[in-house]
Protein backbone atom coordinates (compact mmCIF):
# COMPACT_ATOMS: atom_id res chain seq x y z
CA MET A 1 -41.16 2.79 14.06
CA ASP A 2 -41.94 3.33 17.79
CA GLU A 3 -41.72 6.87 19.01
CA GLY A 4 -39.80 5.62 22.01
CA GLU A 5 -36.85 4.79 19.81
CA HIS A 6 -36.36 8.48 19.27
CA THR A 7 -36.22 9.30 22.97
CA PRO A 8 -32.71 10.62 23.74
CA GLN A 9 -30.51 9.14 26.45
CA PRO A 10 -30.55 11.14 29.69
CA VAL A 11 -27.89 13.83 29.70
CA ASP A 12 -27.06 16.81 31.85
CA ALA A 13 -28.78 20.05 30.98
CA GLU A 14 -25.51 21.80 30.12
CA ASP A 15 -24.40 18.95 27.86
CA SER A 16 -27.78 18.95 26.11
CA ASP A 17 -27.68 22.67 25.45
CA GLU A 18 -24.10 22.46 24.16
CA ASP A 19 -24.95 19.52 21.90
CA ASN A 20 -28.01 21.32 20.49
CA GLU A 21 -25.97 24.42 19.80
CA ASN A 22 -23.19 22.45 18.07
CA SER A 23 -25.75 20.49 16.06
CA ASN A 24 -27.66 23.55 14.90
CA SER A 25 -24.49 25.40 13.86
CA SER A 26 -23.28 22.30 12.04
CA ILE A 27 -26.53 21.91 10.13
CA ALA A 28 -26.74 25.58 9.29
CA SER A 29 -23.31 25.44 7.65
CA ASP A 30 -24.21 22.51 5.38
CA PRO A 31 -27.37 22.68 3.23
CA ASP A 32 -27.28 18.96 2.43
CA ARG A 33 -27.13 18.06 6.08
CA THR A 34 -30.02 20.47 6.78
CA THR A 35 -32.17 18.68 4.23
CA GLY A 36 -31.37 15.30 5.73
CA ALA A 37 -32.17 16.52 9.21
CA VAL A 38 -35.53 17.96 8.18
CA SER A 39 -36.46 14.74 6.43
CA SER A 40 -35.59 12.74 9.52
CA ASP A 41 -37.49 15.11 11.78
CA THR A 42 -40.61 14.88 9.60
CA ASP A 43 -40.60 11.09 9.52
CA SER A 44 -40.07 10.72 13.23
CA ALA A 45 -42.48 13.44 14.46
CA ASP A 46 -45.74 12.51 16.20
CA PRO A 47 -48.57 13.37 13.72
CA GLY A 48 -50.95 14.10 16.53
CA SER A 49 -48.76 16.63 18.32
CA ALA A 50 -46.82 18.97 16.05
CA ASP A 51 -45.28 21.19 18.75
CA THR A 52 -44.22 18.36 20.98
CA GLY A 53 -42.92 16.35 18.07
CA SER A 54 -40.83 19.24 16.84
CA ALA A 55 -39.14 19.67 20.17
CA ASP A 56 -38.58 15.94 20.58
CA THR A 57 -37.20 15.43 17.12
CA ASP A 58 -34.81 18.36 17.47
CA SER A 59 -33.47 16.77 20.60
CA ALA A 60 -33.36 13.34 19.03
CA ASP A 61 -31.63 14.65 15.93
CA SER A 62 -29.03 16.43 18.05
CA HIS A 63 -28.40 13.27 20.03
CA SER A 64 -28.19 11.08 16.93
CA THR A 65 -25.75 13.53 15.34
CA ARG A 66 -23.48 13.39 18.36
CA HIS A 67 -23.46 9.59 18.43
CA ALA A 68 -23.09 9.27 14.68
CA ASN A 69 -19.88 11.23 14.99
CA THR A 70 -18.84 9.00 17.86
CA ALA A 71 -19.52 5.90 15.79
CA GLY A 72 -17.16 7.11 13.09
CA ASN A 73 -14.34 7.25 15.61
CA HIS A 74 -14.90 3.93 17.41
CA THR A 75 -14.94 0.43 16.05
CA ASP A 76 -17.62 -0.67 18.51
CA SER A 77 -20.91 0.59 17.01
CA GLY A 78 -23.11 -1.88 18.88
CA ASN A 79 -23.14 -0.11 22.25
CA ALA A 80 -26.05 1.73 23.75
CA ASP A 81 -24.87 5.09 22.46
CA GLY A 82 -25.05 3.80 18.91
CA ASN A 83 -28.83 3.24 19.01
CA SER A 84 -29.69 6.76 17.99
CA ALA A 85 -27.23 6.65 15.12
CA ASP A 86 -28.69 3.38 13.94
CA THR A 87 -32.18 4.87 14.17
CA ALA A 88 -31.26 7.81 12.00
CA THR A 89 -29.79 5.49 9.40
CA SER A 90 -32.78 3.16 9.40
CA ASN A 91 -35.02 6.08 8.58
CA GLY A 92 -33.32 6.37 5.24
CA GLY A 93 -31.83 9.74 6.08
CA VAL A 94 -28.35 11.02 5.54
CA ASP A 95 -25.74 10.46 8.22
CA VAL A 96 -25.29 13.89 9.70
CA GLY A 97 -21.99 13.01 11.38
CA SER A 98 -20.24 11.89 8.17
CA GLY A 99 -20.54 15.13 6.24
CA GLY A 100 -23.44 14.11 4.00
CA ARG A 101 -22.23 10.60 3.12
CA ASP A 102 -25.09 8.21 2.27
CA ARG A 103 -25.03 5.42 4.85
CA SER A 104 -28.05 3.50 3.56
CA SER A 105 -25.74 0.82 2.15
CA PRO A 106 -24.83 -1.92 4.66
CA ASP A 107 -21.31 -2.19 3.13
CA VAL A 108 -19.98 1.04 4.65
CA ASP A 109 -16.94 0.27 6.85
CA PHE A 110 -15.95 2.94 9.33
CA ASP A 111 -12.56 1.34 9.95
CA GLY A 112 -11.86 1.43 6.24
CA VAL A 113 -12.61 5.13 6.08
CA VAL A 114 -10.19 5.88 8.92
CA LEU A 115 -7.43 3.78 7.39
CA ASP A 116 -7.85 5.42 3.99
CA ASP A 117 -7.44 8.85 5.57
CA GLY A 118 -4.26 7.65 7.30
CA GLU A 119 -2.78 6.38 4.04
CA GLU A 120 -3.51 9.66 2.30
CA ASN A 121 -1.81 11.63 5.09
CA GLN A 122 1.59 9.94 4.89
CA GLY A 123 4.22 12.00 6.69
CA LEU A 124 7.06 13.74 4.87
CA PHE A 125 9.70 11.38 6.29
CA ASP A 126 7.72 8.10 6.08
CA ASP A 127 9.19 7.07 2.72
CA LEU A 128 12.70 8.02 3.83
CA LEU A 129 12.36 5.90 6.96
CA SER A 130 10.96 2.92 5.10
CA GLY A 131 14.36 1.81 3.77
CA GLU A 132 16.95 -0.08 5.81
CA PRO A 133 19.72 2.21 7.18
CA ILE A 134 23.23 1.65 5.84
CA PHE A 135 25.08 3.24 8.76
CA GLU A 136 25.64 1.64 12.13
CA ASN A 137 27.47 4.63 13.63
CA LYS A 138 28.07 7.54 11.27
CA GLU A 139 29.93 9.61 13.88
CA VAL A 140 32.94 7.29 13.49
CA LEU A 141 33.58 8.87 10.08
CA ARG A 142 33.66 12.45 11.34
CA PRO A 143 36.92 14.34 12.08
CA SER A 144 35.83 14.99 15.68
CA TYR A 145 35.86 11.26 16.49
CA THR A 146 38.91 9.97 18.34
CA PRO A 147 39.39 6.27 17.57
CA HIS A 148 40.67 3.70 20.03
CA GLU A 149 43.32 2.69 17.53
CA LEU A 150 45.24 4.77 14.98
CA PRO A 151 46.79 2.65 12.22
CA HIS A 152 50.24 3.66 10.95
CA ARG A 153 50.83 6.25 13.68
CA ASN A 154 52.34 4.03 16.38
CA ASP A 155 55.80 5.62 16.09
CA GLN A 156 54.49 9.16 16.57
CA ILE A 157 52.16 8.10 19.41
CA ASN A 158 54.92 6.26 21.25
CA ARG A 159 57.22 9.25 20.86
CA MET A 160 54.59 11.56 22.42
CA ALA A 161 53.99 9.08 25.23
CA THR A 162 57.69 8.84 26.14
CA ILE A 163 57.84 12.65 26.39
CA LEU A 164 54.65 13.10 28.43
CA VAL A 165 55.17 10.19 30.83
CA SER A 166 57.21 12.51 33.05
CA ALA A 167 53.93 14.30 33.89
CA LEU A 168 52.80 11.14 35.69
CA ARG A 169 55.91 11.40 37.88
CA GLY A 170 55.05 14.97 38.83
CA GLU A 171 57.76 16.40 36.59
CA THR A 172 57.46 19.01 33.84
CA PRO A 173 57.30 17.40 30.36
CA SER A 174 59.21 18.95 27.49
CA ASN A 175 57.25 21.18 25.12
CA ILE A 176 56.26 19.44 21.87
CA LEU A 177 55.69 20.81 18.37
CA ILE A 178 53.81 18.53 15.98
CA TYR A 179 53.97 19.20 12.24
CA GLY A 180 52.17 17.68 9.26
CA LYS A 181 49.79 18.43 6.42
CA THR A 182 46.03 18.41 6.88
CA GLY A 183 44.57 14.95 7.47
CA THR A 184 47.79 13.23 8.57
CA GLY A 185 46.43 12.28 11.99
CA LYS A 186 48.12 14.97 14.11
CA THR A 187 45.14 16.07 16.18
CA ALA A 188 43.63 12.58 16.45
CA SER A 189 46.94 11.15 17.69
CA ALA A 190 47.48 14.00 20.17
CA LYS A 191 43.95 13.62 21.57
CA PHE A 192 44.40 9.86 21.82
CA VAL A 193 47.61 10.28 23.83
CA SER A 194 45.94 12.94 25.98
CA GLN A 195 43.04 10.67 26.84
CA GLU A 196 45.45 7.90 27.78
CA LEU A 197 47.47 10.34 29.89
CA GLU A 198 44.43 11.57 31.84
CA SER A 199 43.00 8.08 32.38
CA THR A 200 46.38 6.83 33.65
CA SER A 201 46.71 9.83 35.97
CA GLN A 202 43.33 9.00 37.51
CA LYS A 203 44.37 5.38 37.87
CA TYR A 204 47.46 6.36 39.90
CA ASP A 205 45.81 9.39 41.53
CA VAL A 206 48.28 11.84 39.99
CA PRO A 207 47.02 15.41 39.34
CA CYS A 208 47.56 15.65 35.57
CA GLU A 209 45.27 17.49 33.15
CA VAL A 210 45.17 18.24 29.41
CA GLU A 211 43.43 21.36 28.05
CA TYR A 212 42.63 21.54 24.32
CA ILE A 213 42.30 24.88 22.49
CA ASN A 214 41.55 25.28 18.79
CA CYS A 215 43.48 28.42 17.84
CA GLU A 216 41.57 28.78 14.58
CA VAL A 217 38.59 29.77 16.77
CA THR A 218 40.35 31.08 19.89
CA ASP A 219 42.91 33.13 17.99
CA THR A 220 43.98 35.97 20.31
CA GLN A 221 46.08 36.09 23.47
CA TYR A 222 43.14 37.45 25.47
CA ARG A 223 40.79 34.65 24.38
CA VAL A 224 43.34 31.91 24.99
CA LEU A 225 44.19 33.15 28.48
CA ALA A 226 40.51 33.83 29.33
CA GLN A 227 39.45 30.33 28.22
CA LEU A 228 42.24 28.72 30.23
CA ALA A 229 41.58 30.89 33.29
CA ASN A 230 37.84 30.12 33.30
CA THR A 231 38.51 26.41 32.86
CA PHE A 232 40.75 26.26 35.94
CA ILE A 233 38.48 28.56 37.95
CA GLU A 234 35.60 26.15 37.32
CA LYS A 235 37.76 23.18 38.34
CA ASN A 236 38.95 24.97 41.47
CA GLN A 237 35.38 25.77 42.47
CA ARG A 238 34.47 22.10 42.21
CA ILE A 239 37.50 21.17 44.33
CA ILE A 240 36.56 23.78 46.94
CA ALA A 241 32.94 22.60 47.03
CA ASN A 242 34.04 18.99 47.61
CA ARG A 243 36.44 20.01 50.37
CA LEU A 244 33.82 22.16 52.08
CA ASP A 245 31.35 19.27 52.08
CA HIS A 246 34.02 17.03 53.61
CA TYR A 247 35.07 19.54 56.29
CA ARG A 248 31.48 20.43 57.21
CA ASP A 249 30.64 16.76 57.68
CA ARG A 250 33.73 16.38 59.86
CA ARG A 251 32.77 19.46 61.87
CA SER A 252 29.28 18.06 62.54
CA ALA A 253 30.81 14.81 63.75
CA ALA A 254 33.41 16.65 65.89
CA ILE A 255 30.73 18.56 67.79
CA ASP A 256 29.42 15.27 69.17
CA ASP A 257 32.78 13.51 69.34
CA PRO A 258 35.93 15.72 69.53
CA THR A 259 38.16 12.66 69.02
CA VAL A 260 37.16 12.75 65.32
CA LEU A 261 39.87 15.42 64.87
CA THR A 262 42.57 13.15 66.23
CA ASP A 263 45.30 12.39 63.69
CA THR A 264 44.04 15.15 61.36
CA GLU A 265 45.57 18.49 60.40
CA PHE A 266 43.16 20.21 62.78
CA GLU A 267 43.94 20.25 66.52
CA THR A 268 40.76 22.01 67.55
CA LEU A 269 37.32 22.78 66.20
CA ASP A 270 38.39 26.40 65.77
CA ASP A 271 41.17 25.32 63.40
CA LEU A 272 38.60 23.48 61.31
CA ASP A 273 36.32 26.53 61.29
CA ASP A 274 39.21 28.72 60.13
CA ARG A 275 39.88 26.34 57.27
CA ILE A 276 36.20 26.38 56.21
CA ASP A 277 36.16 30.19 56.31
CA GLU A 278 39.33 30.27 54.21
CA LEU A 279 37.84 28.01 51.53
CA GLU A 280 34.63 30.03 51.43
CA ALA A 281 36.66 33.22 50.95
CA ASP A 282 38.65 31.57 48.12
CA ALA A 283 35.45 30.58 46.34
CA GLU A 284 34.09 34.13 46.57
CA GLU A 285 37.29 35.66 45.21
CA MET A 286 37.37 33.45 42.10
CA GLU A 287 35.84 35.70 39.45
CA GLU A 288 35.38 34.39 35.93
CA VAL A 289 37.08 36.33 33.15
CA PRO A 290 34.70 38.01 30.65
CA MET A 291 35.43 37.37 26.97
CA THR A 292 36.22 41.08 26.51
CA GLY A 293 36.89 44.13 28.64
CA TRP A 294 39.77 43.27 30.98
CA PRO A 295 43.39 44.37 30.50
CA THR A 296 45.50 41.49 29.24
CA ASP A 297 47.76 41.69 32.30
CA ARG A 298 44.78 41.12 34.60
CA VAL A 299 43.62 38.14 32.53
CA TYR A 300 47.11 36.65 32.68
CA SER A 301 47.39 37.08 36.45
CA THR A 302 43.93 35.55 36.94
CA PHE A 303 44.96 32.52 34.87
CA PHE A 304 48.26 32.31 36.76
CA GLU A 305 46.50 32.26 40.15
CA ALA A 306 43.86 29.79 38.96
CA VAL A 307 46.30 27.24 37.56
CA ASP A 308 48.58 27.51 40.61
CA TYR A 309 45.79 27.14 43.16
CA HIS A 310 46.80 23.56 43.88
CA GLU A 311 49.41 21.10 42.69
CA ARG A 312 48.98 19.69 39.17
CA VAL A 313 50.77 19.16 35.86
CA VAL A 314 48.95 20.78 32.92
CA VAL A 315 49.48 20.03 29.23
CA ILE A 316 48.06 22.83 27.07
CA MET A 317 47.32 21.54 23.57
CA LEU A 318 47.22 24.40 21.02
CA ASP A 319 45.78 23.08 17.77
CA GLU A 320 46.43 25.22 14.66
CA ILE A 321 49.03 27.12 16.70
CA ASP A 322 50.25 28.91 13.56
CA LYS A 323 46.87 30.71 13.35
CA LEU A 324 47.44 32.14 16.83
CA VAL A 325 50.92 33.35 15.90
CA GLU A 326 49.64 34.78 12.62
CA LYS A 327 46.85 36.72 14.35
CA SER A 328 48.42 37.75 17.66
CA GLY A 329 52.16 37.24 17.36
CA ASP A 330 54.18 35.11 19.76
CA ASP A 331 53.35 36.93 23.03
CA THR A 332 51.02 34.14 24.18
CA LEU A 333 53.63 31.45 23.56
CA TYR A 334 56.30 33.54 25.26
CA ASN A 335 54.19 34.01 28.40
CA LEU A 336 53.09 30.37 28.58
CA SER A 337 56.58 28.98 27.98
CA ARG A 338 58.01 31.18 30.78
CA MET A 339 55.36 30.44 33.42
CA ASN A 340 57.10 27.46 35.02
CA SER A 341 59.81 29.68 36.50
CA GLU A 342 57.10 31.61 38.43
CA LEU A 343 54.68 28.82 39.42
CA ASP A 344 54.91 27.37 42.94
CA ARG A 345 52.59 24.36 42.89
CA SER A 346 51.86 23.59 39.23
CA ARG A 347 53.80 22.84 36.08
CA ILE A 348 52.84 23.63 32.48
CA SER A 349 53.81 21.96 29.21
CA ILE A 350 52.80 23.14 25.72
CA MET A 351 51.89 20.86 22.84
CA GLY A 352 51.57 22.83 19.59
CA ILE A 353 50.02 21.38 16.41
CA SER A 354 50.58 23.05 13.04
CA ASN A 355 50.06 22.45 9.32
CA ASP A 356 52.82 24.95 8.53
CA LEU A 357 56.29 23.50 8.80
CA LYS A 358 57.86 26.97 8.68
CA PHE A 359 55.75 28.89 11.16
CA THR A 360 58.54 28.87 13.77
CA ASP A 361 60.64 30.98 11.38
CA PHE A 362 58.56 33.98 12.48
CA LEU A 363 58.97 33.33 16.22
CA ASP A 364 61.24 35.20 18.58
CA PRO A 365 64.44 33.12 19.00
CA ARG A 366 63.81 32.82 22.76
CA VAL A 367 60.28 31.49 22.16
CA LYS A 368 61.48 29.16 19.44
CA SER A 369 64.18 27.63 21.63
CA SER A 370 61.87 27.06 24.62
CA LEU A 371 58.85 25.97 22.61
CA GLY A 372 60.46 23.57 20.16
CA GLU A 373 62.19 21.31 22.66
CA GLU A 374 60.75 18.22 20.91
CA GLU A 375 59.49 18.08 17.33
CA ILE A 376 57.40 15.29 15.79
CA VAL A 377 56.60 15.17 12.07
CA PHE A 378 53.57 13.35 10.66
CA PRO A 379 54.17 12.30 7.03
CA PRO A 380 51.24 12.01 4.57
CA TYR A 381 49.48 8.65 4.23
CA ASP A 382 49.88 6.60 1.08
CA ALA A 383 46.96 4.80 -0.62
CA ASN A 384 47.53 1.50 1.22
CA GLN A 385 47.64 3.21 4.62
CA LEU A 386 44.47 5.15 3.82
CA ARG A 387 42.80 1.88 2.86
CA ASP A 388 43.66 0.40 6.27
CA ILE A 389 42.30 3.48 8.06
CA LEU A 390 39.07 3.46 6.07
CA GLN A 391 38.57 -0.27 6.60
CA HIS A 392 39.10 0.13 10.33
CA ARG A 393 36.48 2.89 10.54
CA ALA A 394 34.07 1.27 8.07
CA ASP A 395 33.85 -1.89 10.18
CA ILE A 396 32.34 0.26 12.95
CA ALA A 397 30.47 2.86 10.88
CA PHE A 398 28.52 0.65 8.44
CA LYS A 399 26.30 -2.35 8.76
CA GLN A 400 27.75 -5.67 7.64
CA ASP A 401 28.12 -6.10 3.85
CA ALA A 402 26.96 -2.52 3.23
CA LEU A 403 29.96 -1.71 0.97
CA THR A 404 31.02 -3.21 -2.34
CA ASP A 405 34.64 -4.32 -2.55
CA ASP A 406 35.76 -1.36 -4.67
CA VAL A 407 34.40 1.44 -2.43
CA ILE A 408 37.23 1.69 0.10
CA PRO A 409 40.09 1.34 -2.47
CA LEU A 410 38.48 4.07 -4.60
CA CYS A 411 38.08 6.44 -1.63
CA ALA A 412 41.70 5.80 -0.67
CA ALA A 413 42.90 6.40 -4.22
CA PHE A 414 41.04 9.72 -4.50
CA ALA A 415 42.41 10.94 -1.14
CA ALA A 416 45.96 9.75 -1.89
CA GLN A 417 45.97 12.01 -4.95
CA GLU A 418 45.50 14.99 -2.61
CA HIS A 419 48.52 14.75 -0.28
CA GLY A 420 47.37 11.61 1.58
CA ASP A 421 44.58 13.36 3.46
CA ALA A 422 42.80 10.85 5.72
CA ARG A 423 40.18 13.44 6.65
CA ARG A 424 39.28 13.81 2.98
CA ALA A 425 39.08 10.03 2.61
CA LEU A 426 36.72 9.76 5.60
CA ASP A 427 34.54 12.61 4.30
CA LEU A 428 34.38 10.88 0.93
CA LEU A 429 33.32 7.55 2.45
CA ARG A 430 30.72 9.19 4.70
CA THR A 431 29.26 11.28 1.87
CA ALA A 432 29.08 8.21 -0.39
CA GLY A 433 27.14 6.39 2.32
CA GLU A 434 24.78 9.34 2.75
CA LEU A 435 24.11 9.53 -0.99
CA ALA A 436 23.41 5.81 -1.12
CA GLU A 437 21.07 6.06 1.85
CA ARG A 438 19.18 9.00 0.32
CA SER A 439 18.64 7.08 -2.89
CA GLN A 440 17.41 4.13 -0.76
CA ALA A 441 20.11 1.87 -2.16
CA GLU A 442 20.84 -1.26 -0.15
CA ILE A 443 24.63 -0.98 -0.47
CA VAL A 444 27.24 1.69 -1.18
CA ALA A 445 28.73 1.22 -4.65
CA GLU A 446 31.42 2.79 -6.82
CA LYS A 447 28.95 5.22 -8.40
CA HIS A 448 28.15 6.67 -4.99
CA VAL A 449 31.85 7.34 -4.35
CA ARG A 450 32.18 9.16 -7.67
CA GLN A 451 29.03 11.18 -6.92
CA ALA A 452 30.48 12.02 -3.49
CA GLN A 453 33.75 13.15 -5.09
CA ASP A 454 31.86 15.54 -7.37
CA LYS A 455 29.72 16.81 -4.51
CA ILE A 456 32.66 17.46 -2.19
CA GLU A 457 34.56 19.22 -4.97
CA LEU A 458 31.55 21.40 -5.75
CA ASP A 459 30.99 22.14 -2.06
CA ARG A 460 34.61 23.21 -1.72
CA VAL A 461 34.34 25.50 -4.73
CA VAL A 462 31.08 26.98 -3.49
CA GLU A 463 32.53 27.56 -0.03
CA VAL A 464 35.53 29.45 -1.40
CA VAL A 465 34.08 31.23 -4.44
CA ARG A 466 30.61 32.32 -3.27
CA PRO A 467 31.80 34.80 -0.58
CA LEU A 468 34.19 36.58 -3.00
CA PRO A 469 33.60 40.28 -3.71
CA THR A 470 32.02 41.12 -7.06
CA GLN A 471 35.24 42.52 -8.57
CA SER A 472 37.15 39.36 -7.64
CA LYS A 473 34.43 37.28 -9.26
CA ILE A 474 34.73 39.27 -12.49
CA VAL A 475 38.50 38.75 -12.51
CA LEU A 476 38.02 35.04 -11.89
CA PHE A 477 35.43 34.85 -14.69
CA ALA A 478 37.97 36.45 -17.05
CA VAL A 479 40.47 33.70 -16.18
CA ILE A 480 37.79 31.06 -16.80
CA LEU A 481 36.99 32.49 -20.25
CA LEU A 482 40.66 32.51 -21.21
CA GLU A 483 41.08 28.87 -20.15
CA LYS A 484 37.89 27.81 -21.96
CA ASN A 485 39.24 29.38 -25.14
CA GLY A 486 42.48 27.41 -24.95
CA VAL A 487 44.80 30.11 -23.61
CA HIS A 488 47.66 28.62 -21.57
CA ASN A 489 50.06 30.38 -19.17
CA ILE A 490 47.60 33.24 -18.82
CA ASN A 491 49.26 36.56 -17.92
CA THR A 492 47.84 39.54 -16.05
CA GLY A 493 47.61 41.66 -19.20
CA GLU A 494 45.33 39.14 -20.88
CA VAL A 495 43.17 38.87 -17.77
CA PHE A 496 42.91 42.67 -17.50
CA ASN A 497 41.81 43.06 -21.13
CA ILE A 498 38.97 40.53 -20.72
CA TYR A 499 38.14 41.95 -17.29
CA LYS A 500 37.62 45.43 -18.77
CA ARG A 501 35.31 44.08 -21.46
CA LEU A 502 33.23 42.17 -18.91
CA CYS A 503 32.91 45.27 -16.71
CA GLU A 504 31.69 47.27 -19.73
CA GLU A 505 29.10 44.64 -20.59
CA ILE A 506 27.59 44.52 -17.10
CA ASP A 507 28.13 48.24 -16.33
CA ALA A 508 30.57 47.67 -13.45
CA ASP A 509 33.39 49.96 -12.32
CA VAL A 510 36.76 49.19 -13.94
CA LEU A 511 39.67 48.93 -11.54
CA THR A 512 43.26 49.70 -12.45
CA GLN A 513 45.55 46.95 -13.69
CA ARG A 514 47.59 47.19 -10.47
CA ARG A 515 44.44 46.57 -8.40
CA VAL A 516 43.44 43.64 -10.64
CA THR A 517 46.92 42.19 -10.06
CA ASP A 518 46.30 42.43 -6.30
CA LEU A 519 42.98 40.62 -6.71
CA ILE A 520 44.77 37.85 -8.63
CA SER A 521 47.23 37.52 -5.72
CA GLU A 522 44.28 37.15 -3.32
CA LEU A 523 42.76 34.43 -5.53
CA ASP A 524 46.15 32.72 -5.53
CA MET A 525 46.32 32.90 -1.72
CA LEU A 526 42.86 31.28 -1.50
CA GLY A 527 43.99 28.45 -3.79
CA ILE A 528 41.52 29.32 -6.55
CA VAL A 529 44.23 30.12 -9.09
CA ASN A 530 47.88 29.18 -9.20
CA ALA A 531 49.93 32.27 -10.08
CA VAL A 532 53.70 32.52 -10.45
CA VAL A 533 55.88 35.53 -11.29
CA VAL A 534 57.73 35.07 -14.58
CA SER A 535 60.57 37.27 -15.81
CA LYS A 536 60.31 38.52 -19.41
CA GLY A 537 63.85 39.90 -19.51
CA ARG A 538 63.94 43.49 -20.70
CA TYR A 539 60.15 43.45 -20.96
CA GLY A 540 59.86 43.20 -17.19
CA ARG A 541 58.00 40.63 -15.09
CA THR A 542 54.46 39.35 -15.20
CA LYS A 543 52.27 36.83 -13.43
CA GLU A 544 51.27 33.68 -15.25
CA MET A 545 48.36 31.71 -13.86
CA GLY A 546 45.95 28.86 -14.27
CA LEU A 547 42.83 27.70 -12.46
CA SER A 548 43.23 25.42 -9.45
CA VAL A 549 39.51 24.58 -9.29
CA PRO A 550 37.17 22.81 -11.75
CA VAL A 551 36.07 25.15 -14.56
CA GLU A 552 32.40 24.14 -14.92
CA GLU A 553 31.64 24.10 -11.20
CA THR A 554 33.35 27.45 -10.64
CA GLU A 555 31.57 29.04 -13.57
CA ALA A 556 28.21 27.75 -12.29
CA VAL A 557 28.85 29.30 -8.86
CA LEU A 558 29.80 32.65 -10.41
CA LEU A 559 26.73 32.75 -12.65
CA SER A 560 24.47 32.00 -9.68
CA ASP A 561 25.35 35.44 -8.26
CA SER A 562 22.63 37.92 -9.26
CA ARG A 563 25.01 40.83 -8.72
CA LEU A 564 26.96 39.84 -11.80
CA GLY A 565 23.89 40.65 -13.86
CA ASP A 566 24.24 39.73 -17.54
CA ILE A 567 27.83 38.55 -17.41
CA GLU A 568 26.80 35.33 -19.15
CA ASN A 569 25.54 37.39 -22.11
CA ALA A 570 28.99 38.95 -22.44
CA GLN A 571 30.59 35.62 -23.33
CA PRO A 572 29.77 35.71 -27.08
CA PHE A 573 31.45 39.12 -27.38
CA VAL A 574 34.56 37.91 -25.62
CA GLN A 575 34.70 34.72 -27.69
CA ALA A 576 34.32 36.76 -30.89
CA ARG A 577 37.27 38.82 -29.77
CA PHE A 578 39.33 35.64 -29.40
CA ASP A 579 38.26 34.51 -32.86
CA ASN A 580 39.39 37.80 -34.38
């Protein structure tokens, strides 16, 4: 082989030094590669000049190493840079750049090596993405989605519209209270009407606005008033900014041409300047309300000034209004319902939405009379109505032919058993689709609906049972053991006896029977047990109860709590006691 073939390509001095350093450190860390490099150096050295050959071969080996690595990363190995790599291979040595792999065979395929590495490094989500998606738009099945059409709620929607249409005439609409169980379409219908009201007001250039507040989250008078005040302060600031831009543009034009002010509200340029100064002062005075720290009276007055800054009709939608009354009383409703007598430019109407048909029983008579001017009741859906709702949403949510014929009827049937809850039916359909998609099934079938039913039930149990205090869990476990051993109409005395035994087995403090009775009442309030007071005549009264949640799922959640210790080991003792 000619010595010239080993001559490296011209490189900069800094690059050469860096390459030599990288090459030497690479060889030093791999004994096999060191051996191959020495063999190559020996074969390619000039026999007549040992010193010169050593220096040349070191440089050539460094260069060939660099280009051998380059060849492994590029499909084109026939360029000029590949000559050194080819030379090293033709000498029968080991390819330094491939980690000691023998490249003497002509069948080695660099592309194949790269592809093999790619196949081995499949990403975590590659398999999950390989299947065809079932959903077209999953958000349609969520409670937050407001559909363009609400089947079987036309009567209620039309009733709301006839009440609120007066807002488009600049008049004050009557206050509305909307009642109905969970999942009967109350909030969706109210939001649908609100969207229509706002879009129509923009069409006719009428200042009409709807503000939505979820009182389950914003559940105090301070928070409600602060949220409303900040909303209108932000809107007022935008209005002021737009007016200032308009007036400043007019002022610039009036400097050059005073006739611009003709037929306007400003006779002179000074009048226009005064108006600009006034708007700038208004913007500076509008201070947002902090979420805590201000006296309630100050928050109320700030909201009052913000909403009355300019003419508009405002509909305040209070969802879960009973939660606000339960937490803060009826002061908020009293203040809001009385504002119209004090407002100069604006008008306010209240739309309350509640699951509790009796919450107005706890209101002040004056609040009740002013708030409940119009009442609209939403009855539960039946199975056929739920089927129509699900079909309407499924046409948008799923790809074509993604559901078997029995999926929607089964979802509707399950939801109809639980008070005609459309929200539950939609959750069931969405969860069934998710389970089918996770299992990479091509369509949603009946089995996925049944799996979804079990999952939702378990999730509900977990959500309610897991946060319970330890003592409540022990009481609940006592009820479970009684039911599993065939005891019906369980009374508090029976629960207390088993409760004491369980506490002894896991070394927990034993509460009094009165306190255990209180814990049973709390479980009843949460819907975990169903307890009723039964009179025993001269023997007094007692509570009889039964579980309202699935036994196996509830027991599994309880046993997953490490704080309960060996409560599972106490079961044989309790069962033996039943047998005796």
